[in-house]
Amino acid sequence: MPYVSVNGVDHYYEWISSQEDPGDQGKADAKPVMVFVHGWAGSARYWESTAEAIKAEYDCLLYDMRGFGRSHPAPPEKMASDPSLGSLESFADDLLGLLDALNLKQPVYINAHSLGGTAALYFLDRYPERVKKAILTCNGSFPYQKWAFEAFYFFGGYVVAVRPKWLGQVPLAPQMFMSRFLKGSIPLSEKKAFLNDFLMADALTSIGTLKAAVSKHATEVMPAAFASLKVPTLMVSGEYDKITPAKLGRAAADMSEQMQYALMPDTAHFPMLEDAESYLQIIRSFLNSEQFPAV
């Protein structure tokens, strides 16, 4: 498996492309690069079908964020001495390091999901010159609610702490695990893979990013980042998303003239898998023009 060192941590990455030398921006016939960023406790794996569908048009770069999937976590002692490693801004800097390590100097396209969308938003805010267009899938802006956030931290910490590795072998566990994330159906193999990603995620990274994603800091910084966007951005929401409700995506899109919004009916937190055909239609229309059809 290919790895690259980013800010001192080995990151897994892969290319999905119709070319033998993807990412070589020095070629006369070089294709644009699209970078995919996954969400909390996931991996690049669930972006593979989307990347396969557009690989004739883009060289698709997929990677596992630090501490998730096949990428290594930061050492515990380093995380203890540097609390900023739990911030999503640090994952934005990881993305910059990944692009530099792979010598991707030309502006790229970004498609980021859920918590990965927040890291991508911070990347857009800090390094807009490195991005041509961006797609944020199932992301949004939310208000601060102290009691709700503290309850979320307690529940989230418990879920991370109590996750025996054998859970993936229990019948119906993958279906139960994914029930909150889906409105439509996806193959059982996909549900098992999601559960396995969750079970292998680094505990310190999982808890740190969970708190960073749902925090007073995020409620203050994210709206400002949305409002100051300099890169054309599409927000895609699932109509029945319980994790990041569609109204939060709409609220974020309303903050900037750079943002367009698409609501996907009959989908929840993984619209790219629940209705791949419609999702591809929406993102292609955005990528190829300034407008896209209402869905």
C-alpha atoms as a PDB file:
ATOM      1  CA  MET A   1       0.000   0.000   0.000  1.00  0.00           C
ATOM      2  CA  PRO A   2       1.352   3.479  -0.833  1.00  0.00           C
ATOM      3  CA  TYR A   3       2.177   5.783   2.052  1.00  0.00           C
ATOM      4  CA  VAL A   4       3.578   9.300   2.232  1.00  0.00           C
ATOM      5  CA  SER A   5       4.877  11.112   5.302  1.00  0.00           C
ATOM      6  CA  VAL A   6       2.819  14.215   6.059  1.00  0.00           C
ATOM      7  CA  ASN A   7       3.816  16.369   9.028  1.00  0.00           C
ATOM      8  CA  GLY A   8       5.719  13.410  10.462  1.00  0.00           C
ATOM      9  CA  VAL A   9       2.871  10.879  10.150  1.00  0.00           C
ATOM     10  CA  ASP A  10       2.524   8.175   7.501  1.00  0.00           C
ATOM     11  CA  HIS A  11      -0.652   8.684   5.453  1.00  0.00           C
ATOM     12  CA  TYR A  12      -2.236   6.094   3.185  1.00  0.00           C
ATOM     13  CA  TYR A  13      -3.220   7.359  -0.249  1.00  0.00           C
ATOM     14  CA  GLU A  14      -4.291   5.944  -3.580  1.00  0.00           C
ATOM     15  CA  TRP A  15      -4.967   7.144  -7.098  1.00  0.00           C
ATOM     16  CA  ILE A  16      -8.009   6.168  -9.118  1.00  0.00           C
ATOM     17  CA  SER A  17      -7.494   7.248 -12.698  1.00  0.00           C
ATOM     18  CA  SER A  18      -7.704   6.123 -16.308  1.00  0.00           C
ATOM     19  CA  GLN A  19      -4.035   7.096 -16.750  1.00  0.00           C
ATOM     20  CA  GLU A  20      -0.920   5.190 -15.790  1.00  0.00           C
ATOM     21  CA  ASP A  21       0.773   8.254 -14.246  1.00  0.00           C
ATOM     22  CA  PRO A  22      -2.004  10.139 -12.437  1.00  0.00           C
ATOM     23  CA  GLY A  23      -1.229  13.457 -10.855  1.00  0.00           C
ATOM     24  CA  ASP A  24       1.589  14.350 -13.268  1.00  0.00           C
ATOM     25  CA  GLN A  25       0.633  17.961 -13.842  1.00  0.00           C
ATOM     26  CA  GLY A  26       3.646  18.575 -16.032  1.00  0.00           C
ATOM     27  CA  LYS A  27       2.154  16.681 -18.982  1.00  0.00           C
ATOM     28  CA  ALA A  28       0.493  18.549 -21.831  1.00  0.00           C
ATOM     29  CA  ASP A  29      -2.584  16.322 -21.572  1.00  0.00           C
ATOM     30  CA  ALA A  30      -2.700  16.263 -17.768  1.00  0.00           C
ATOM     31  CA  LYS A  31      -6.145  15.873 -16.248  1.00  0.00           C
ATOM     32  CA  PRO A  32      -7.345  17.971 -13.317  1.00  0.00           C
ATOM     33  CA  VAL A  33      -6.915  16.391  -9.891  1.00  0.00           C
ATOM     34  CA  MET A  34      -9.827  15.845  -7.522  1.00  0.00           C
ATOM     35  CA  VAL A  35      -8.995  15.130  -3.880  1.00  0.00           C
ATOM     36  CA  PHE A  36     -11.532  13.238  -1.755  1.00  0.00           C
ATOM     37  CA  VAL A  37     -11.729  13.736   2.008  1.00  0.00           C
ATOM     38  CA  HIS A  38     -13.713  11.299   4.172  1.00  0.00           C
ATOM     39  CA  GLY A  39     -15.628  11.881   7.385  1.00  0.00           C
ATOM     40  CA  TRP A  40     -15.259  10.958  11.047  1.00  0.00           C
ATOM     41  CA  ALA A  41     -14.026   7.424  11.824  1.00  0.00           C
ATOM     42  CA  GLY A  42     -14.242   6.522   8.136  1.00  0.00           C
ATOM     43  CA  SER A  43     -11.719   6.023   5.367  1.00  0.00           C
ATOM     44  CA  ALA A  44     -11.172   6.859   1.705  1.00  0.00           C
ATOM     45  CA  ARG A  45     -12.731   3.493   0.853  1.00  0.00           C
ATOM     46  CA  TYR A  46     -16.290   4.823   0.661  1.00  0.00           C
ATOM     47  CA  TRP A  47     -15.285   7.401  -1.962  1.00  0.00           C
ATOM     48  CA  GLU A  48     -13.962   4.739  -4.349  1.00  0.00           C
ATOM     49  CA  SER A  49     -17.189   4.239  -6.322  1.00  0.00           C
ATOM     50  CA  THR A  50     -17.558   7.992  -6.907  1.00  0.00           C
ATOM     51  CA  ALA A  51     -13.941   8.239  -8.008  1.00  0.00           C
ATOM     52  CA  GLU A  52     -14.326   5.276 -10.359  1.00  0.00           C
ATOM     53  CA  ALA A  53     -17.307   7.017 -11.989  1.00  0.00           C
ATOM     54  CA  ILE A  54     -15.354  10.198 -12.804  1.00  0.00           C
ATOM     55  CA  LYS A  55     -11.842   8.849 -13.384  1.00  0.00           C
ATOM     56  CA  ALA A  56     -12.043   9.535 -17.114  1.00  0.00           C
ATOM     57  CA  GLU A  57     -12.443  13.228 -16.319  1.00  0.00           C
ATOM     58  CA  TYR A  58     -10.266  13.593 -13.213  1.00  0.00           C
ATOM     59  CA  ASP A  59      -7.250  12.008 -11.630  1.00  0.00           C
ATOM     60  CA  CYS A  60      -8.799  11.105  -8.279  1.00  0.00           C
ATOM     61  CA  LEU A  61      -6.637  11.241  -5.156  1.00  0.00           C
ATOM     62  CA  LEU A  62      -8.052   9.446  -2.123  1.00  0.00           C
ATOM     63  CA  TYR A  63      -6.388   9.345   1.278  1.00  0.00           C
ATOM     64  CA  ASP A  64      -7.101   8.322   4.841  1.00  0.00           C
ATOM     65  CA  MET A  65      -6.935  11.155   7.342  1.00  0.00           C
ATOM     66  CA  ARG A  66      -4.449  10.922  10.177  1.00  0.00           C
ATOM     67  CA  GLY A  67      -5.548   8.311  12.735  1.00  0.00           C
ATOM     68  CA  PHE A  68      -8.290   6.872  10.527  1.00  0.00           C
ATOM     69  CA  GLY A  69      -8.449   3.975   8.113  1.00  0.00           C
ATOM     70  CA  ARG A  70      -4.983   2.827   7.078  1.00  0.00           C
ATOM     71  CA  SER A  71      -3.163   6.046   8.024  1.00  0.00           C
ATOM     72  CA  HIS A  72      -1.123   6.113  11.204  1.00  0.00           C
ATOM     73  CA  PRO A  73      -2.123   8.278  14.178  1.00  0.00           C
ATOM     74  CA  ALA A  74       0.138  10.881  15.706  1.00  0.00           C
ATOM     75  CA  PRO A  75       2.051   9.349  18.652  1.00  0.00           C
ATOM     76  CA  PRO A  76       0.088   9.661  21.938  1.00  0.00           C
ATOM     77  CA  GLU A  77       2.896  11.604  23.590  1.00  0.00           C
ATOM     78  CA  LYS A  78       2.896  14.106  20.720  1.00  0.00           C
ATOM     79  CA  MET A  79      -0.866  14.530  20.953  1.00  0.00           C
ATOM     80  CA  ALA A  80      -0.563  15.071  24.713  1.00  0.00           C
ATOM     81  CA  SER A  81       2.084  17.771  24.267  1.00  0.00           C
ATOM     82  CA  ASP A  82       0.362  19.427  21.302  1.00  0.00           C
ATOM     83  CA  PRO A  83      -3.431  19.685  21.774  1.00  0.00           C
ATOM     84  CA  SER A  84      -3.718  21.462  18.407  1.00  0.00           C
ATOM     85  CA  LEU A  85      -3.319  18.062  16.726  1.00  0.00           C
ATOM     86  CA  GLY A  86      -6.932  17.381  17.657  1.00  0.00           C
ATOM     87  CA  SER A  87      -8.126  20.472  15.820  1.00  0.00           C
ATOM     88  CA  LEU A  88      -9.629  20.206  12.371  1.00  0.00           C
ATOM     89  CA  GLU A  89      -7.385  23.074  11.300  1.00  0.00           C
ATOM     90  CA  SER A  90      -4.469  20.658  11.771  1.00  0.00           C
ATOM     91  CA  PHE A  91      -6.125  18.272   9.309  1.00  0.00           C
ATOM     92  CA  ALA A  92      -6.377  21.146   6.838  1.00  0.00           C
ATOM     93  CA  ASP A  93      -2.619  21.551   7.217  1.00  0.00           C
ATOM     94  CA  ASP A  94      -2.232  17.800   6.666  1.00  0.00           C
ATOM     95  CA  LEU A  95      -4.044  18.192   3.352  1.00  0.00           C
ATOM     96  CA  LEU A  96      -1.628  20.955   2.353  1.00  0.00           C
ATOM     97  CA  GLY A  97       1.271  18.709   3.322  1.00  0.00           C
ATOM     98  CA  LEU A  98      -0.163  15.855   1.257  1.00  0.00           C
ATOM     99  CA  LEU A  99      -0.465  18.033  -1.863  1.00  0.00           C
ATOM    100  CA  ASP A 100       3.085  19.316  -1.401  1.00  0.00           C
ATOM    101  CA  ALA A 101       4.492  15.828  -0.754  1.00  0.00           C
ATOM    102  CA  LEU A 102       2.900  14.578  -3.993  1.00  0.00           C
ATOM    103  CA  ASN A 103       4.102  17.691  -5.863  1.00  0.00           C
ATOM    104  CA  LEU A 104       0.586  18.843  -6.714  1.00  0.00           C
ATOM    105  CA  LYS A 105       1.234  22.542  -7.198  1.00  0.00           C
ATOM    106  CA  GLN A 106      -1.660  23.391  -9.521  1.00  0.00           C
ATOM    107  CA  PRO A 107      -5.095  24.122  -8.001  1.00  0.00           C
ATOM    108  CA  VAL A 108      -7.074  20.949  -7.325  1.00  0.00           C
ATOM    109  CA  TYR A 109     -10.747  20.137  -6.960  1.00  0.00           C
ATOM    110  CA  ILE A 110     -11.911  18.944  -3.539  1.00  0.00           C
ATOM    111  CA  ASN A 111     -14.854  16.748  -2.583  1.00  0.00           C
ATOM    112  CA  ALA A 112     -15.145  16.392   1.180  1.00  0.00           C
ATOM    113  CA  HIS A 113     -17.744  14.693   3.355  1.00  0.00           C
ATOM    114  CA  SER A 114     -19.118  15.417   6.833  1.00  0.00           C
ATOM    115  CA  LEU A 115     -16.287  16.110   9.317  1.00  0.00           C
ATOM    116  CA  GLY A 116     -13.882  15.992   6.380  1.00  0.00           C
ATOM    117  CA  GLY A 117     -15.928  18.834   4.940  1.00  0.00           C
ATOM    118  CA  THR A 118     -15.079  20.977   7.956  1.00  0.00           C
ATOM    119  CA  ALA A 119     -11.370  20.242   7.519  1.00  0.00           C
ATOM    120  CA  ALA A 120     -11.768  21.109   3.834  1.00  0.00           C
ATOM    121  CA  LEU A 121     -13.580  24.359   4.731  1.00  0.00           C
ATOM    122  CA  TYR A 122     -10.621  25.388   6.887  1.00  0.00           C
ATOM    123  CA  PHE A 123      -8.332  24.472   3.975  1.00  0.00           C
ATOM    124  CA  LEU A 124     -10.379  26.689   1.637  1.00  0.00           C
ATOM    125  CA  ASP A 125     -10.153  29.508   4.161  1.00  0.00           C
ATOM    126  CA  ARG A 126      -6.392  29.190   4.612  1.00  0.00           C
ATOM    127  CA  TYR A 127      -5.224  28.152   1.149  1.00  0.00           C
ATOM    128  CA  PRO A 128      -7.812  29.257  -1.440  1.00  0.00           C
ATOM    129  CA  GLU A 129      -5.144  29.549  -4.123  1.00  0.00           C
ATOM    130  CA  ARG A 130      -4.693  25.752  -4.014  1.00  0.00           C
ATOM    131  CA  VAL A 131      -8.313  24.979  -4.993  1.00  0.00           C
ATOM    132  CA  LYS A 132     -10.235  25.375  -8.260  1.00  0.00           C
ATOM    133  CA  LYS A 133     -13.677  24.323  -6.986  1.00  0.00           C
ATOM    134  CA  ALA A 134     -14.941  22.502  -3.898  1.00  0.00           C
ATOM    135  CA  ILE A 135     -17.825  20.218  -3.026  1.00  0.00           C
ATOM    136  CA  LEU A 136     -18.903  19.839   0.599  1.00  0.00           C
ATOM    137  CA  THR A 137     -21.188  16.861   1.086  1.00  0.00           C
ATOM    138  CA  CYS A 138     -23.320  16.685   4.254  1.00  0.00           C
ATOM    139  CA  ASN A 139     -21.724  19.607   6.047  1.00  0.00           C
ATOM    140  CA  GLY A 140     -23.129  22.857   7.410  1.00  0.00           C
ATOM    141  CA  SER A 141     -23.195  25.592  10.011  1.00  0.00           C
ATOM    142  CA  PHE A 142     -24.787  25.065  13.426  1.00  0.00           C
ATOM    143  CA  PRO A 143     -25.457  27.142  16.573  1.00  0.00           C
ATOM    144  CA  TYR A 144     -23.748  26.629  19.913  1.00  0.00           C
ATOM    145  CA  GLN A 145     -25.738  24.698  22.520  1.00  0.00           C
ATOM    146  CA  LYS A 146     -23.645  23.960  25.609  1.00  0.00           C
ATOM    147  CA  TRP A 147     -25.830  21.257  27.136  1.00  0.00           C
ATOM    148  CA  ALA A 148     -26.334  19.457  23.831  1.00  0.00           C
ATOM    149  CA  PHE A 149     -22.616  19.538  23.047  1.00  0.00           C
ATOM    150  CA  GLU A 150     -21.677  18.158  26.455  1.00  0.00           C
ATOM    151  CA  ALA A 151     -24.197  15.339  26.083  1.00  0.00           C
ATOM    152  CA  PHE A 152     -22.773  14.626  22.642  1.00  0.00           C
ATOM    153  CA  TYR A 153     -19.220  14.453  24.032  1.00  0.00           C
ATOM    154  CA  PHE A 154     -20.315  12.038  26.759  1.00  0.00           C
ATOM    155  CA  PHE A 155     -22.167   9.754  24.369  1.00  0.00           C
ATOM    156  CA  GLY A 156     -19.463   9.969  21.704  1.00  0.00           C
ATOM    157  CA  GLY A 157     -16.691   9.193  24.172  1.00  0.00           C
ATOM    158  CA  TYR A 158     -18.630   6.194  25.452  1.00  0.00           C
ATOM    159  CA  VAL A 159     -19.203   4.873  21.922  1.00  0.00           C
ATOM    160  CA  VAL A 160     -15.502   5.188  21.099  1.00  0.00           C
ATOM    161  CA  ALA A 161     -14.426   3.539  24.366  1.00  0.00           C
ATOM    162  CA  VAL A 162     -16.850   0.597  24.073  1.00  0.00           C
ATOM    163  CA  ARG A 163     -16.239  -0.906  20.636  1.00  0.00           C
ATOM    164  CA  PRO A 164     -14.863  -4.459  20.853  1.00  0.00           C
ATOM    165  CA  LYS A 165     -13.142  -5.668  17.701  1.00  0.00           C
ATOM    166  CA  TRP A 166     -15.384  -8.735  17.574  1.00  0.00           C
ATOM    167  CA  LEU A 167     -18.422  -6.514  17.051  1.00  0.00           C
ATOM    168  CA  GLY A 168     -17.870  -6.726  13.310  1.00  0.00           C
ATOM    169  CA  GLN A 169     -18.554 -10.482  13.468  1.00  0.00           C
ATOM    170  CA  VAL A 170     -21.924 -10.130  15.189  1.00  0.00           C
ATOM    171  CA  PRO A 171     -24.905 -10.766  12.882  1.00  0.00           C
ATOM    172  CA  LEU A 172     -26.938  -7.617  12.183  1.00  0.00           C
ATOM    173  CA  ALA A 173     -24.313  -5.364  13.849  1.00  0.00           C
ATOM    174  CA  PRO A 174     -23.368  -3.639  10.552  1.00  0.00           C
ATOM    175  CA  GLN A 175     -27.044  -3.031   9.732  1.00  0.00           C
ATOM    176  CA  MET A 176     -27.738  -1.606  13.189  1.00  0.00           C
ATOM    177  CA  PHE A 177     -24.590   0.518  13.110  1.00  0.00           C
ATOM    178  CA  MET A 178     -25.503   2.125   9.777  1.00  0.00           C
ATOM    179  CA  SER A 179     -29.236   2.540  10.380  1.00  0.00           C
ATOM    180  CA  ARG A 180     -28.869   6.083  11.707  1.00  0.00           C
ATOM    181  CA  PHE A 181     -26.791   7.170   8.700  1.00  0.00           C
ATOM    182  CA  LEU A 182     -29.013   5.950   5.855  1.00  0.00           C
ATOM    183  CA  LYS A 183     -32.447   6.540   4.377  1.00  0.00           C
ATOM    184  CA  GLY A 184     -32.009   4.278   1.355  1.00  0.00           C
ATOM    185  CA  SER A 185     -30.206   0.984   0.981  1.00  0.00           C
ATOM    186  CA  ILE A 186     -26.565   0.179   0.323  1.00  0.00           C
ATOM    187  CA  PRO A 187     -24.976  -3.280  -0.015  1.00  0.00           C
ATOM    188  CA  LEU A 188     -24.311  -5.258   3.159  1.00  0.00           C
ATOM    189  CA  SER A 189     -20.614  -5.370   2.229  1.00  0.00           C
ATOM    190  CA  GLU A 190     -20.542  -1.553   2.427  1.00  0.00           C
ATOM    191  CA  LYS A 191     -22.189  -1.594   5.850  1.00  0.00           C
ATOM    192  CA  LYS A 192     -19.601  -4.082   7.104  1.00  0.00           C
ATOM    193  CA  ALA A 193     -16.781  -1.918   5.752  1.00  0.00           C
ATOM    194  CA  PHE A 194     -18.160   1.166   7.521  1.00  0.00           C
ATOM    195  CA  LEU A 195     -18.308  -0.719  10.812  1.00  0.00           C
ATOM    196  CA  ASN A 196     -14.765  -2.019  10.352  1.00  0.00           C
ATOM    197  CA  ASP A 197     -13.496   1.518   9.661  1.00  0.00           C
ATOM    198  CA  PHE A 198     -15.104   2.677  12.891  1.00  0.00           C
ATOM    199  CA  LEU A 199     -13.645  -0.202  14.896  1.00  0.00           C
ATOM    200  CA  MET A 200     -10.085   0.442  13.662  1.00  0.00           C
ATOM    201  CA  ALA A 201     -10.108   4.240  14.105  1.00  0.00           C
ATOM    202  CA  ASP A 202      -7.570   5.550  16.623  1.00  0.00           C
ATOM    203  CA  ALA A 203      -9.311   6.360  19.922  1.00  0.00           C
ATOM    204  CA  LEU A 204      -7.464   9.586  20.761  1.00  0.00           C
ATOM    205  CA  THR A 205      -7.936  10.925  17.241  1.00  0.00           C
ATOM    206  CA  SER A 206     -11.593   9.927  17.197  1.00  0.00           C
ATOM    207  CA  ILE A 207     -12.405  11.660  20.468  1.00  0.00           C
ATOM    208  CA  GLY A 208     -10.311  14.730  19.668  1.00  0.00           C
ATOM    209  CA  THR A 209     -11.896  15.317  16.267  1.00  0.00           C
ATOM    210  CA  LEU A 210     -15.368  14.608  17.641  1.00  0.00           C
ATOM    211  CA  LYS A 211     -14.949  17.412  20.161  1.00  0.00           C
ATOM    212  CA  ALA A 212     -13.380  19.716  17.572  1.00  0.00           C
ATOM    213  CA  ALA A 213     -16.199  19.208  15.076  1.00  0.00           C
ATOM    214  CA  VAL A 214     -18.947  19.964  17.597  1.00  0.00           C
ATOM    215  CA  SER A 215     -17.569  22.824  19.666  1.00  0.00           C
ATOM    216  CA  LYS A 216     -18.060  26.477  20.507  1.00  0.00           C
ATOM    217  CA  HIS A 217     -14.929  27.172  18.479  1.00  0.00           C
ATOM    218  CA  ALA A 218     -16.475  25.553  15.404  1.00  0.00           C
ATOM    219  CA  THR A 219     -19.691  27.561  15.760  1.00  0.00           C
ATOM    220  CA  GLU A 220     -17.611  30.740  15.738  1.00  0.00           C
ATOM    221  CA  VAL A 221     -15.040  29.900  13.066  1.00  0.00           C
ATOM    222  CA  MET A 222     -17.122  27.987  10.528  1.00  0.00           C
ATOM    223  CA  PRO A 223     -19.651  30.747   9.746  1.00  0.00           C
ATOM    224  CA  ALA A 224     -16.806  33.207   9.177  1.00  0.00           C
ATOM    225  CA  ALA A 225     -15.086  30.713   6.874  1.00  0.00           C
ATOM    226  CA  PHE A 226     -18.286  30.109   4.920  1.00  0.00           C
ATOM    227  CA  ALA A 227     -18.937  33.836   4.594  1.00  0.00           C
ATOM    228  CA  SER A 228     -15.420  34.578   3.350  1.00  0.00           C
ATOM    229  CA  LEU A 229     -15.206  31.785   0.770  1.00  0.00           C
ATOM    230  CA  LYS A 230     -13.169  32.747  -2.289  1.00  0.00           C
ATOM    231  CA  VAL A 231     -13.602  29.428  -4.125  1.00  0.00           C
ATOM    232  CA  PRO A 232     -16.771  28.316  -5.977  1.00  0.00           C
ATOM    233  CA  THR A 233     -18.301  25.719  -3.663  1.00  0.00           C
ATOM    234  CA  LEU A 234     -21.237  23.350  -3.843  1.00  0.00           C
ATOM    235  CA  MET A 235     -23.009  22.161  -0.699  1.00  0.00           C
ATOM    236  CA  VAL A 236     -24.873  18.847  -1.083  1.00  0.00           C
ATOM    237  CA  SER A 237     -27.285  17.742   1.656  1.00  0.00           C
ATOM    238  CA  GLY A 238     -29.298  14.579   2.153  1.00  0.00           C
ATOM    239  CA  GLU A 239     -32.961  15.318   2.823  1.00  0.00           C
ATOM    240  CA  TYR A 240     -33.169  12.912   5.779  1.00  0.00           C
ATOM    241  CA  ASP A 241     -29.663  13.359   7.179  1.00  0.00           C
ATOM    242  CA  LYS A 242     -29.810  12.989  10.988  1.00  0.00           C
ATOM    243  CA  ILE A 243     -26.091  13.648  11.491  1.00  0.00           C
ATOM    244  CA  THR A 244     -25.896  16.986   9.665  1.00  0.00           C
ATOM    245  CA  PRO A 245     -29.493  18.024   8.965  1.00  0.00           C
ATOM    246  CA  ALA A 246     -30.125  19.582   5.572  1.00  0.00           C
ATOM    247  CA  LYS A 247     -31.169  22.893   7.128  1.00  0.00           C
ATOM    248  CA  LEU A 248     -27.591  23.341   8.386  1.00  0.00           C
ATOM    249  CA  GLY A 249     -26.247  22.903   4.869  1.00  0.00           C
ATOM    250  CA  ARG A 250     -28.781  25.389   3.526  1.00  0.00           C
ATOM    251  CA  ALA A 251     -27.855  27.885   6.265  1.00  0.00           C
ATOM    252  CA  ALA A 252     -24.183  27.626   5.333  1.00  0.00           C
ATOM    253  CA  ALA A 253     -24.898  28.033   1.607  1.00  0.00           C
ATOM    254  CA  ASP A 254     -26.878  31.187   2.320  1.00  0.00           C
ATOM    255  CA  MET A 255     -23.804  32.787   3.889  1.00  0.00           C
ATOM    256  CA  SER A 256     -21.818  33.174   0.682  1.00  0.00           C
ATOM    257  CA  GLU A 257     -22.379  34.145  -2.937  1.00  0.00           C
ATOM    258  CA  GLN A 258     -19.667  31.602  -3.778  1.00  0.00           C
ATOM    259  CA  MET A 259     -21.871  28.732  -2.631  1.00  0.00           C
ATOM    260  CA  GLN A 260     -24.516  26.784  -4.490  1.00  0.00           C
ATOM    261  CA  TYR A 261     -26.821  24.321  -2.782  1.00  0.00           C
ATOM    262  CA  ALA A 262     -28.342  20.983  -3.758  1.00  0.00           C
ATOM    263  CA  LEU A 263     -30.789  18.957  -1.675  1.00  0.00           C
ATOM    264  CA  MET A 264     -30.937  15.251  -2.517  1.00  0.00           C
ATOM    265  CA  PRO A 265     -34.340  13.719  -1.700  1.00  0.00           C
ATOM    266  CA  ASP A 266     -34.723  10.267  -0.164  1.00  0.00           C
ATOM    267  CA  THR A 267     -31.107  10.178   1.031  1.00  0.00           C
ATOM    268  CA  ALA A 268     -29.457  10.746   4.394  1.00  0.00           C
ATOM    269  CA  HIS A 269     -25.779  11.059   5.400  1.00  0.00           C
ATOM    270  CA  PHE A 270     -24.289   9.206   2.413  1.00  0.00           C
ATOM    271  CA  PRO A 271     -26.098  10.534  -0.675  1.00  0.00           C
ATOM    272  CA  MET A 272     -23.167   9.599  -2.918  1.00  0.00           C
ATOM    273  CA  LEU A 273     -23.881   5.935  -2.117  1.00  0.00           C
ATOM    274  CA  GLU A 274     -27.638   6.010  -1.592  1.00  0.00           C
ATOM    275  CA  ASP A 275     -28.358   7.665  -4.964  1.00  0.00           C
ATOM    276  CA  ALA A 276     -25.112   7.622  -6.905  1.00  0.00           C
ATOM    277  CA  GLU A 277     -26.693   8.512 -10.250  1.00  0.00           C
ATOM    278  CA  SER A 278     -28.292  11.731  -8.992  1.00  0.00           C
ATOM    279  CA  TYR A 279     -25.207  12.644  -6.978  1.00  0.00           C
ATOM    280  CA  LEU A 280     -22.975  12.325 -10.025  1.00  0.00           C
ATOM    281  CA  GLN A 281     -25.378  14.386 -12.113  1.00  0.00           C
ATOM    282  CA  ILE A 282     -25.341  17.183  -9.546  1.00  0.00           C
ATOM    283  CA  ILE A 283     -21.587  17.368  -9.050  1.00  0.00           C
ATOM    284  CA  ARG A 284     -20.820  17.093 -12.777  1.00  0.00           C
ATOM    285  CA  SER A 285     -23.175  19.977 -13.535  1.00  0.00           C
ATOM    286  CA  PHE A 286     -21.493  22.097 -10.876  1.00  0.00           C
ATOM    287  CA  LEU A 287     -17.991  21.175 -11.995  1.00  0.00           C
ATOM    288  CA  ASN A 288     -18.688  21.822 -15.676  1.00  0.00           C
ATOM    289  CA  SER A 289     -20.646  25.049 -15.354  1.00  0.00           C
ATOM    290  CA  GLU A 290     -21.883  27.691 -12.981  1.00  0.00           C
ATOM    291  CA  GLN A 291     -25.352  26.165 -12.776  1.00  0.00           C
ATOM    292  CA  PHE A 292     -26.793  22.758 -11.986  1.00  0.00           C
ATOM    293  CA  PRO A 293     -30.273  21.285 -12.239  1.00  0.00           C
ATOM    294  CA  ALA A 294     -32.546  21.269  -9.220  1.00  0.00           C
ATOM    295  CA  VAL A 295     -32.937  17.795  -7.743  1.00  0.00           C
END
